[in-house]
């Protein structure tokens, strides 16, 4: 059975505003909703932000959300980045 909702959180080189980005991600992970997953898509970041986001997620006692992380080998832009969730996040 698939979740009822799948928010996609797209990252690309967010190290200059990492605190804000992680607060945004934290609020998404703390939604009061019973059946959802969060897909984090990294659009080939090369500034260390992907590693920071991944470390944050691994150390977060997130609530009910299932988290999937997908990383692109190239920056595909906003729309194609969101499409990666379909290619890599679901079996």
N, C-alpha and C. Protein backbone atom coordinates (compact mmCIF):
# COMPACT_ATOMS: atom_id res chain seq x y z
N UNK A 1 0.84 -1.18 0.00
CA UNK A 1 0.00 0.00 0.00
C UNK A 1 0.89 1.25 0.00
N UNK A 2 0.58 2.17 -0.86
CA UNK A 2 1.37 3.39 -0.97
C UNK A 2 0.83 4.49 -0.05
N UNK A 3 1.72 5.37 0.40
CA UNK A 3 1.28 6.48 1.25
C UNK A 3 0.27 7.36 0.52
N UNK A 4 -0.53 8.06 1.28
CA UNK A 4 -1.52 8.96 0.70
C UNK A 4 -0.91 10.27 0.22
N UNK A 5 0.24 10.64 0.76
CA UNK A 5 0.88 11.90 0.38
C UNK A 5 2.39 11.72 0.30
N UNK A 6 2.99 12.38 -0.69
CA UNK A 6 4.44 12.32 -0.86
C UNK A 6 4.98 13.71 -1.17
N UNK A 7 5.31 14.50 -0.14
CA UNK A 7 5.97 15.77 -0.42
C UNK A 7 7.40 15.50 -0.91
N UNK A 8 7.82 16.29 -1.88
CA UNK A 8 9.17 16.19 -2.42
C UNK A 8 9.93 17.43 -2.00
N UNK A 9 11.10 17.22 -1.39
CA UNK A 9 11.94 18.32 -0.92
C UNK A 9 13.19 18.32 -1.79
N UNK A 10 13.36 19.34 -2.62
CA UNK A 10 14.44 19.41 -3.59
C UNK A 10 15.57 20.28 -3.06
N UNK A 11 16.79 19.76 -3.15
CA UNK A 11 17.97 20.48 -2.67
C UNK A 11 18.95 20.69 -3.82
N UNK A 12 19.54 21.89 -3.85
CA UNK A 12 20.67 22.14 -4.75
C UNK A 12 21.55 23.22 -4.12
N UNK A 13 22.74 22.81 -3.72
CA UNK A 13 23.74 23.74 -3.19
C UNK A 13 23.16 24.73 -2.17
N UNK A 14 22.59 24.20 -1.11
CA UNK A 14 21.94 25.06 -0.11
C UNK A 14 22.84 25.42 1.07
N UNK A 15 24.14 25.23 0.95
CA UNK A 15 25.02 25.47 2.10
C UNK A 15 25.00 26.93 2.56
N UNK A 16 24.73 27.88 1.68
CA UNK A 16 24.69 29.30 2.07
C UNK A 16 23.49 29.63 2.95
N UNK A 17 22.48 28.79 2.93
CA UNK A 17 21.29 29.00 3.76
C UNK A 17 20.86 27.68 4.39
N UNK A 18 21.86 26.90 4.81
CA UNK A 18 21.61 25.56 5.32
C UNK A 18 20.71 25.55 6.55
N UNK A 19 20.87 26.50 7.45
CA UNK A 19 20.01 26.55 8.64
C UNK A 19 18.55 26.67 8.27
N UNK A 20 18.25 27.56 7.35
CA UNK A 20 16.87 27.73 6.88
C UNK A 20 16.38 26.47 6.17
N UNK A 21 17.23 25.88 5.35
CA UNK A 21 16.84 24.67 4.62
C UNK A 21 16.53 23.53 5.59
N UNK A 22 17.35 23.36 6.62
CA UNK A 22 17.12 22.28 7.57
C UNK A 22 15.88 22.53 8.43
N UNK A 23 15.61 23.79 8.75
CA UNK A 23 14.37 24.10 9.48
C UNK A 23 13.16 23.77 8.61
N UNK A 24 13.25 24.05 7.34
CA UNK A 24 12.17 23.72 6.40
C UNK A 24 11.96 22.21 6.35
N UNK A 25 13.04 21.47 6.24
CA UNK A 25 12.95 20.02 6.18
C UNK A 25 12.41 19.47 7.49
N UNK A 26 12.87 20.00 8.61
CA UNK A 26 12.39 19.54 9.91
C UNK A 26 10.88 19.72 10.04
N UNK A 27 10.37 20.87 9.61
CA UNK A 27 8.93 21.11 9.71
C UNK A 27 8.16 20.13 8.83
N UNK A 28 8.71 19.78 7.70
CA UNK A 28 8.07 18.79 6.83
C UNK A 28 8.05 17.41 7.48
N UNK A 29 9.11 17.07 8.18
CA UNK A 29 9.20 15.76 8.83
C UNK A 29 8.32 15.67 10.08
N UNK A 30 7.87 16.81 10.58
CA UNK A 30 7.07 16.81 11.80
C UNK A 30 5.58 17.03 11.54
N UNK A 31 5.15 16.85 10.32
CA UNK A 31 3.73 17.02 10.00
C UNK A 31 2.89 16.06 10.82
N UNK A 32 1.74 16.51 11.23
CA UNK A 32 0.80 15.67 11.96
C UNK A 32 -0.14 15.04 10.94
N UNK A 33 0.35 14.00 10.30
CA UNK A 33 -0.38 13.33 9.23
C UNK A 33 -0.04 11.85 9.34
N UNK A 34 -1.01 11.00 9.16
CA UNK A 34 -0.81 9.58 9.43
C UNK A 34 -0.08 8.79 8.35
N UNK A 35 -0.24 9.14 7.11
CA UNK A 35 0.26 8.27 6.05
C UNK A 35 0.98 9.08 4.98
N UNK A 36 2.26 9.36 5.21
CA UNK A 36 3.01 10.09 4.20
C UNK A 36 4.48 9.68 4.21
N UNK A 37 5.11 9.96 3.09
CA UNK A 37 6.55 9.79 2.98
C UNK A 37 7.12 11.10 2.48
N UNK A 38 8.37 11.33 2.76
CA UNK A 38 9.08 12.51 2.27
C UNK A 38 10.19 12.01 1.38
N UNK A 39 10.24 12.53 0.17
CA UNK A 39 11.31 12.20 -0.75
C UNK A 39 12.22 13.42 -0.84
N UNK A 40 13.48 13.22 -0.49
CA UNK A 40 14.48 14.27 -0.60
C UNK A 40 15.28 14.01 -1.86
N UNK A 41 15.26 14.97 -2.76
CA UNK A 41 15.99 14.85 -4.02
C UNK A 41 17.12 15.87 -4.01
N UNK A 42 18.34 15.40 -4.19
CA UNK A 42 19.47 16.30 -4.31
C UNK A 42 19.85 16.40 -5.78
N UNK A 43 19.91 17.62 -6.26
CA UNK A 43 20.16 17.89 -7.68
C UNK A 43 21.64 18.10 -7.96
N UNK A 44 22.46 17.13 -7.57
CA UNK A 44 23.91 17.14 -7.82
C UNK A 44 24.63 18.29 -7.11
N UNK A 45 24.26 18.52 -5.87
CA UNK A 45 24.94 19.56 -5.08
C UNK A 45 26.42 19.23 -4.95
N UNK A 46 27.24 20.26 -4.97
CA UNK A 46 28.69 20.06 -4.84
C UNK A 46 29.29 20.96 -3.76
N UNK A 47 28.44 21.42 -2.85
CA UNK A 47 28.89 22.34 -1.80
C UNK A 47 28.83 21.74 -0.40
N UNK A 48 28.59 20.43 -0.31
CA UNK A 48 28.51 19.77 0.97
C UNK A 48 27.11 19.75 1.57
N UNK A 49 26.17 20.41 0.92
CA UNK A 49 24.81 20.48 1.49
C UNK A 49 24.12 19.11 1.46
N UNK A 50 24.38 18.30 0.45
CA UNK A 50 23.76 16.97 0.42
C UNK A 50 24.19 16.16 1.63
N UNK A 51 25.47 16.17 1.92
CA UNK A 51 25.99 15.43 3.07
C UNK A 51 25.39 15.95 4.38
N UNK A 52 25.25 17.28 4.48
CA UNK A 52 24.67 17.88 5.69
C UNK A 52 23.20 17.49 5.84
N UNK A 53 22.46 17.50 4.76
CA UNK A 53 21.05 17.12 4.80
C UNK A 53 20.92 15.65 5.15
N UNK A 54 21.74 14.82 4.55
CA UNK A 54 21.69 13.38 4.83
C UNK A 54 22.03 13.11 6.30
N UNK A 55 23.03 13.78 6.83
CA UNK A 55 23.40 13.62 8.24
C UNK A 55 22.26 14.09 9.15
N UNK A 56 21.62 15.19 8.79
CA UNK A 56 20.50 15.71 9.55
C UNK A 56 19.36 14.70 9.60
N UNK A 57 19.03 14.14 8.47
CA UNK A 57 17.94 13.16 8.40
C UNK A 57 18.28 11.92 9.21
N UNK A 58 19.51 11.45 9.12
CA UNK A 58 19.91 10.25 9.85
C UNK A 58 19.88 10.48 11.36
N UNK A 59 20.10 11.72 11.80
CA UNK A 59 20.14 12.01 13.23
C UNK A 59 18.83 12.55 13.78
N UNK A 60 17.84 12.67 12.93
CA UNK A 60 16.56 13.23 13.35
C UNK A 60 15.61 12.13 13.75
N UNK A 61 14.99 12.29 14.90
CA UNK A 61 13.95 11.35 15.29
C UNK A 61 12.64 11.80 14.69
N UNK A 62 12.55 11.72 13.36
CA UNK A 62 11.37 12.20 12.67
C UNK A 62 10.16 11.37 13.04
N UNK A 63 9.02 11.97 12.87
CA UNK A 63 7.77 11.36 13.30
C UNK A 63 7.32 10.19 12.45
N UNK A 64 6.19 10.35 11.84
CA UNK A 64 5.53 9.26 11.13
C UNK A 64 6.00 9.09 9.70
N UNK A 65 6.80 10.00 9.21
CA UNK A 65 7.18 9.98 7.80
C UNK A 65 8.21 8.92 7.49
N UNK A 66 8.02 8.29 6.36
CA UNK A 66 9.06 7.45 5.78
C UNK A 66 9.88 8.39 4.91
N UNK A 67 11.20 8.27 4.96
CA UNK A 67 12.07 9.18 4.21
C UNK A 67 12.84 8.39 3.16
N UNK A 68 12.85 8.92 1.96
CA UNK A 68 13.64 8.34 0.87
C UNK A 68 14.54 9.45 0.33
N UNK A 69 15.79 9.10 0.06
CA UNK A 69 16.75 10.08 -0.44
C UNK A 69 17.21 9.64 -1.82
N UNK A 70 17.14 10.57 -2.78
CA UNK A 70 17.55 10.31 -4.15
C UNK A 70 18.57 11.38 -4.52
N UNK A 71 19.66 10.96 -5.12
CA UNK A 71 20.67 11.94 -5.53
C UNK A 71 20.93 11.81 -7.03
N UNK A 72 20.87 12.94 -7.70
CA UNK A 72 21.13 12.98 -9.13
C UNK A 72 22.62 13.17 -9.38
N UNK A 73 23.09 12.67 -10.49
CA UNK A 73 24.50 12.86 -10.86
C UNK A 73 24.72 14.18 -11.59
N UNK A 74 23.64 14.82 -12.04
CA UNK A 74 23.72 16.13 -12.68
C UNK A 74 22.55 16.98 -12.19
N UNK A 75 22.71 18.30 -12.28
CA UNK A 75 21.62 19.20 -11.92
C UNK A 75 20.59 19.17 -13.03
N UNK A 76 19.42 18.66 -12.73
CA UNK A 76 18.37 18.53 -13.74
C UNK A 76 17.36 19.66 -13.68
N UNK A 77 17.58 20.62 -12.81
CA UNK A 77 16.63 21.72 -12.69
C UNK A 77 15.44 21.34 -11.82
N UNK A 78 14.54 22.27 -11.64
CA UNK A 78 13.42 22.09 -10.72
C UNK A 78 12.48 20.97 -11.16
N UNK A 79 11.96 21.03 -12.35
CA UNK A 79 10.97 20.06 -12.79
C UNK A 79 11.56 18.65 -12.93
N UNK A 80 12.67 18.53 -13.62
CA UNK A 80 13.30 17.21 -13.80
C UNK A 80 13.81 16.66 -12.47
N UNK A 81 14.20 17.54 -11.56
CA UNK A 81 14.61 17.10 -10.24
C UNK A 81 13.47 16.43 -9.50
N UNK A 82 12.30 17.01 -9.60
CA UNK A 82 11.12 16.41 -8.98
C UNK A 82 10.75 15.09 -9.62
N UNK A 83 11.02 14.92 -10.89
CA UNK A 83 10.73 13.67 -11.58
C UNK A 83 11.62 12.53 -11.07
N UNK A 84 12.76 12.85 -10.49
CA UNK A 84 13.66 11.83 -9.97
C UNK A 84 13.01 11.00 -8.89
N UNK A 85 12.08 11.56 -8.17
CA UNK A 85 11.41 10.79 -7.12
C UNK A 85 10.72 9.57 -7.72
N UNK A 86 10.26 9.70 -8.94
CA UNK A 86 9.60 8.58 -9.60
C UNK A 86 10.60 7.54 -10.07
N UNK A 87 11.78 7.99 -10.48
CA UNK A 87 12.79 7.07 -11.00
C UNK A 87 13.53 6.33 -9.90
N UNK A 88 13.82 7.02 -8.79
CA UNK A 88 14.70 6.40 -7.82
C UNK A 88 14.12 6.14 -6.45
N UNK A 89 12.99 6.72 -6.14
CA UNK A 89 12.52 6.62 -4.76
C UNK A 89 11.56 5.49 -4.53
N UNK A 90 10.90 5.05 -5.53
CA UNK A 90 9.91 3.98 -5.34
C UNK A 90 10.39 2.70 -6.01
N UNK A 91 10.07 1.59 -5.40
CA UNK A 91 10.48 0.32 -6.00
C UNK A 91 9.77 0.07 -7.31
